[in-house]
Amino acid sequence: MKTDWKIKDNRLTKEFVFKDFKESLIFINKVGDESETLNHHPKITNIYNKVTIELWTHTVDNITDLDYKLSEKIDKLIK
C-alpha cells in the first residue's frame, strides 16, 4: 500500500485502506503501541476498512518534529 502524508489545517493526515475491519483494528492497535512509546497520540478515525490518522502537537497546535517521527514509525507498520 502506498499513500502519502498530506498537510491539512496544520495537521499531518493520511488514509490507510485495508482488506477488512479486522485488519484495520490490528493496525490501529499497532499505532497505539507506537504512540505510547513516544507519548504522542494521534487522532484516529476508522470506518470499516479505512483508517485516517491526523498528527499534530496539541501544545503548539501545529506540526512538529515529533509528528514527523511518529508518521515514520506508522509508515513502517505497513511495510
Protein backbone atom coordinates (compact mmCIF):
# COMPACT_ATOMS: atom_id res chain seq x y z
CA MET A 1 0.00 0.00 0.00
CA LYS A 2 1.41 3.40 -0.95
CA THR A 3 -0.05 6.64 0.34
CA ASP A 4 1.48 9.96 1.22
CA TRP A 5 1.06 12.14 4.26
CA LYS A 6 -0.64 15.42 3.48
CA ILE A 7 -0.68 18.66 5.40
CA LYS A 8 -4.18 19.97 6.07
CA ASP A 9 -5.17 22.58 8.66
CA ASN A 10 -1.82 22.33 10.48
CA ARG A 11 -2.05 18.55 10.70
CA LEU A 12 -0.32 15.64 9.01
CA THR A 13 -3.03 13.39 7.63
CA LYS A 14 -3.03 10.05 5.93
CA GLU A 15 -5.64 7.47 4.99
CA PHE A 16 -4.86 3.76 5.08
CA VAL A 17 -7.08 1.19 3.37
CA PHE A 18 -7.11 -2.45 4.47
CA LYS A 19 -8.76 -5.68 3.39
CA ASP A 20 -11.39 -5.55 6.13
CA PHE A 21 -12.35 -4.19 9.54
CA LYS A 22 -10.26 -6.75 11.41
CA GLU A 23 -7.06 -5.68 9.63
CA SER A 24 -7.92 -2.06 10.37
CA LEU A 25 -8.20 -2.82 14.08
CA ILE A 26 -4.89 -4.68 14.13
CA PHE A 27 -3.24 -1.64 12.53
CA ILE A 28 -4.90 0.78 14.97
CA ASN A 29 -3.58 -1.22 17.92
CA LYS A 30 -0.06 -1.16 16.48
CA VAL A 31 -0.33 2.61 16.02
CA GLY A 32 -1.45 2.85 19.64
CA ASP A 33 1.63 0.94 20.80
CA GLU A 34 3.96 3.24 18.84
CA SER A 35 2.11 6.29 20.14
CA GLU A 36 2.54 5.17 23.73
CA THR A 37 6.26 4.63 23.15
CA LEU A 38 6.63 8.27 22.07
CA ASN A 39 3.96 9.57 24.47
CA HIS A 40 2.41 11.30 21.46
CA HIS A 41 -1.14 10.40 20.49
CA PRO A 42 -2.85 10.84 17.13
CA LYS A 43 -6.45 11.34 16.19
CA ILE A 44 -7.57 8.05 14.63
CA THR A 45 -10.79 7.64 12.67
CA ASN A 46 -11.94 4.23 11.47
CA ILE A 47 -14.75 3.43 9.06
CA TYR A 48 -14.81 -0.29 8.24
CA ASN A 49 -11.57 -0.88 6.28
CA LYS A 50 -10.36 2.75 6.20
CA VAL A 51 -8.25 4.35 8.90
CA THR A 52 -7.48 8.06 8.84
CA ILE A 53 -4.74 9.40 11.10
CA GLU A 54 -4.16 13.04 11.99
CA LEU A 55 -0.95 14.13 13.71
CA TRP A 56 -0.21 17.47 15.36
CA THR A 57 1.28 18.66 18.60
CA HIS A 58 -1.58 19.93 20.73
CA THR A 59 0.52 22.28 22.87
CA VAL A 60 1.51 24.37 19.83
CA ASP A 61 -1.48 23.48 17.62
CA ASN A 62 0.87 22.74 14.76
CA ILE A 63 3.09 20.04 13.25
CA THR A 64 6.42 19.41 14.99
CA ASP A 65 9.34 17.01 14.64
CA LEU A 66 7.55 14.61 16.97
CA ASP A 67 4.68 14.32 14.47
CA TYR A 68 7.08 13.51 11.65
CA LYS A 69 8.81 10.95 13.85
CA LEU A 70 5.51 9.22 14.64
CA SER A 71 4.45 9.33 10.98
CA GLU A 72 7.65 7.49 10.03
CA LYS A 73 7.00 4.84 12.68
CA ILE A 74 3.43 4.43 11.44
CA ASP A 75 4.60 4.01 7.85
CA LYS A 76 6.95 1.23 8.93
CA LEU A 77 4.00 -0.68 10.37
CA ILE A 78 2.61 -1.33 6.90
CA LYS A 79 5.79 -2.18 5.02
